[in-house]
Amino acid sequence: FAPAQVQSSHSFPGMAPYTMLSMNTPGANLGAPVSNGKRVYVGNLSFRTSWMTLKDFFRAECGPVRRCDVAVDETKLMPGGRPCSKGWGVIEFENEMDA
């Protein structure tokens, strides 16, 4: 199967709007609570990091990844037109032990 790329925009008071680009496998719950024990916040990412690179790294190092999101700034584009990462993301693993 081919992963579906989902784009969603978020805005919080006092914070610049950002967009999440993500890889979602079938059955991934977009509305799942953050504290489900399977999600990990990842910071200090390169501004060139894509959700695909982050997913592949964590899948190889830790285990099966159910979902991977990287916050991007659509006002800043990388060469080739891809939005620039904001330097953080969220990984959701298949099980708590991998997280």
C-alpha atoms as a PDB file:
ATOM      1  CA  PHE A   1       0.000   0.000   0.000  1.00  0.00           C
ATOM      2  CA  ALA A   2       1.025   3.598  -0.437  1.00  0.00           C
ATOM      3  CA  PRO A   3       0.905   5.874   2.612  1.00  0.00           C
ATOM      4  CA  ALA A   4      -1.461   8.789   2.386  1.00  0.00           C
ATOM      5  CA  GLN A   5       0.066  12.199   2.903  1.00  0.00           C
ATOM      6  CA  VAL A   6      -2.144  14.372   5.052  1.00  0.00           C
ATOM      7  CA  GLN A   7      -1.725  18.083   5.520  1.00  0.00           C
ATOM      8  CA  SER A   8      -3.355  19.969   8.365  1.00  0.00           C
ATOM      9  CA  SER A   9      -2.899  23.520   9.584  1.00  0.00           C
ATOM     10  CA  HIS A  10      -2.789  24.559  13.226  1.00  0.00           C
ATOM     11  CA  SER A  11      -2.740  27.870  15.041  1.00  0.00           C
ATOM     12  CA  PHE A  12      -2.483  28.619  18.744  1.00  0.00           C
ATOM     13  CA  PRO A  13      -2.700  32.011  20.464  1.00  0.00           C
ATOM     14  CA  GLY A  14       0.706  33.696  20.593  1.00  0.00           C
ATOM     15  CA  MET A  15       2.244  31.169  18.204  1.00  0.00           C
ATOM     16  CA  ALA A  16       2.837  31.447  14.462  1.00  0.00           C
ATOM     17  CA  PRO A  17       0.600  29.163  12.375  1.00  0.00           C
ATOM     18  CA  TYR A  18       2.232  25.946  11.234  1.00  0.00           C
ATOM     19  CA  THR A  19       1.367  22.997   9.046  1.00  0.00           C
ATOM     20  CA  MET A  20       1.894  19.332   9.815  1.00  0.00           C
ATOM     21  CA  LEU A  21       2.864  17.066   6.936  1.00  0.00           C
ATOM     22  CA  SER A  22       2.408  13.456   7.908  1.00  0.00           C
ATOM     23  CA  MET A  23       2.498   9.845   6.878  1.00  0.00           C
ATOM     24  CA  ASN A  24      -0.559   7.942   8.027  1.00  0.00           C
ATOM     25  CA  THR A  25      -1.021   4.232   7.650  1.00  0.00           C
ATOM     26  CA  PRO A  26      -4.522   2.761   7.373  1.00  0.00           C
ATOM     27  CA  GLY A  27      -6.131   2.648  10.797  1.00  0.00           C
ATOM     28  CA  ALA A  28      -4.088   5.527  12.234  1.00  0.00           C
ATOM     29  CA  ASN A  29      -6.349   7.622  14.426  1.00  0.00           C
ATOM     30  CA  LEU A  30      -5.834  11.311  13.605  1.00  0.00           C
ATOM     31  CA  GLY A  31      -7.748  12.334  16.722  1.00  0.00           C
ATOM     32  CA  ALA A  32      -5.919  10.043  19.162  1.00  0.00           C
ATOM     33  CA  PRO A  33      -4.884  11.676  22.445  1.00  0.00           C
ATOM     34  CA  VAL A  34      -1.254  12.745  22.693  1.00  0.00           C
ATOM     35  CA  SER A  35      -0.759  10.775  25.916  1.00  0.00           C
ATOM     36  CA  ASN A  36      -1.517   7.353  24.430  1.00  0.00           C
ATOM     37  CA  GLY A  37       1.938   6.044  25.432  1.00  0.00           C
ATOM     38  CA  LYS A  38       2.974   5.476  21.824  1.00  0.00           C
ATOM     39  CA  ARG A  39       3.822   9.042  20.762  1.00  0.00           C
ATOM     40  CA  VAL A  40       7.210  10.684  21.086  1.00  0.00           C
ATOM     41  CA  TYR A  41       8.032  14.350  20.558  1.00  0.00           C
ATOM     42  CA  VAL A  42      11.267  14.842  18.617  1.00  0.00           C
ATOM     43  CA  GLY A  43      13.000  18.229  18.725  1.00  0.00           C
ATOM     44  CA  ASN A  44      16.160  19.820  17.417  1.00  0.00           C
ATOM     45  CA  LEU A  45      15.617  18.459  13.901  1.00  0.00           C
ATOM     46  CA  SER A  46      17.394  19.854  10.884  1.00  0.00           C
ATOM     47  CA  PHE A  47      15.273  22.263   8.874  1.00  0.00           C
ATOM     48  CA  ARG A  48      15.749  19.854   5.948  1.00  0.00           C
ATOM     49  CA  THR A  49      14.102  16.931   7.783  1.00  0.00           C
ATOM     50  CA  SER A  50      11.044  15.489   6.051  1.00  0.00           C
ATOM     51  CA  TRP A  51       8.449  13.178   7.573  1.00  0.00           C
ATOM     52  CA  MET A  52       9.774  10.388   5.332  1.00  0.00           C
ATOM     53  CA  THR A  53      13.352  10.760   6.612  1.00  0.00           C
ATOM     54  CA  LEU A  54      12.192  10.875  10.232  1.00  0.00           C
ATOM     55  CA  LYS A  55       9.905   7.840   9.794  1.00  0.00           C
ATOM     56  CA  ASP A  56      12.614   5.782   8.099  1.00  0.00           C
ATOM     57  CA  PHE A  57      15.155   6.604  10.814  1.00  0.00           C
ATOM     58  CA  PHE A  58      12.875   5.685  13.723  1.00  0.00           C
ATOM     59  CA  ARG A  59      11.560   2.580  11.982  1.00  0.00           C
ATOM     60  CA  ALA A  60      15.138   1.335  11.503  1.00  0.00           C
ATOM     61  CA  GLU A  61      16.305   2.278  15.023  1.00  0.00           C
ATOM     62  CA  CYS A  62      13.232   1.596  17.181  1.00  0.00           C
ATOM     63  CA  GLY A  63      10.477  -0.386  15.456  1.00  0.00           C
ATOM     64  CA  PRO A  64       7.270  -0.070  13.428  1.00  0.00           C
ATOM     65  CA  VAL A  65       6.015   3.497  13.030  1.00  0.00           C
ATOM     66  CA  ARG A  66       2.270   4.026  12.743  1.00  0.00           C
ATOM     67  CA  ARG A  67       2.380   7.783  12.117  1.00  0.00           C
ATOM     68  CA  CYS A  68       4.991  10.472  11.615  1.00  0.00           C
ATOM     69  CA  ASP A  69       4.459  14.236  11.589  1.00  0.00           C
ATOM     70  CA  VAL A  70       6.922  17.073  11.016  1.00  0.00           C
ATOM     71  CA  ALA A  71       5.831  20.680  11.552  1.00  0.00           C
ATOM     72  CA  VAL A  72       6.672  22.834   8.533  1.00  0.00           C
ATOM     73  CA  ASP A  73       6.661  26.528   7.725  1.00  0.00           C
ATOM     74  CA  GLU A  74       5.045  26.967   4.321  1.00  0.00           C
ATOM     75  CA  THR A  75       6.353  30.529   4.049  1.00  0.00           C
ATOM     76  CA  LYS A  76       9.945  29.229   3.879  1.00  0.00           C
ATOM     77  CA  LEU A  77      10.717  26.854   1.022  1.00  0.00           C
ATOM     78  CA  MET A  78      13.691  24.570   0.527  1.00  0.00           C
ATOM     79  CA  PRO A  79      15.329  24.275  -2.899  1.00  0.00           C
ATOM     80  CA  GLY A  80      12.872  22.301  -4.989  1.00  0.00           C
ATOM     81  CA  GLY A  81       9.847  23.970  -3.388  1.00  0.00           C
ATOM     82  CA  ARG A  82       9.383  21.726  -0.319  1.00  0.00           C
ATOM     83  CA  PRO A  83       8.343  23.575   2.875  1.00  0.00           C
ATOM     84  CA  CYS A  84      11.077  24.046   5.476  1.00  0.00           C
ATOM     85  CA  SER A  85      10.799  22.029   8.714  1.00  0.00           C
ATOM     86  CA  LYS A  86      10.193  23.983  11.925  1.00  0.00           C
ATOM     87  CA  GLY A  87      12.674  21.693  13.695  1.00  0.00           C
ATOM     88  CA  TRP A  88      10.276  19.361  15.525  1.00  0.00           C
ATOM     89  CA  GLY A  89       7.975  16.430  14.933  1.00  0.00           C
ATOM     90  CA  VAL A  90       5.931  13.668  16.529  1.00  0.00           C
ATOM     91  CA  ILE A  91       6.356   9.911  16.019  1.00  0.00           C
ATOM     92  CA  GLU A  92       3.606   7.428  16.875  1.00  0.00           C
ATOM     93  CA  PHE A  93       4.780   3.843  17.185  1.00  0.00           C
ATOM     94  CA  GLU A  94       2.732   0.673  16.753  1.00  0.00           C
ATOM     95  CA  ASN A  95       3.276  -0.284  20.401  1.00  0.00           C
ATOM     96  CA  GLU A  96       4.378   1.335  23.662  1.00  0.00           C
ATOM     97  CA  MET A  97       7.570  -0.722  23.988  1.00  0.00           C
ATOM     98  CA  ASP A  98       9.045   0.836  20.833  1.00  0.00           C
ATOM     99  CA  ALA A  99       8.191   4.333  22.020  1.00  0.00           C
END
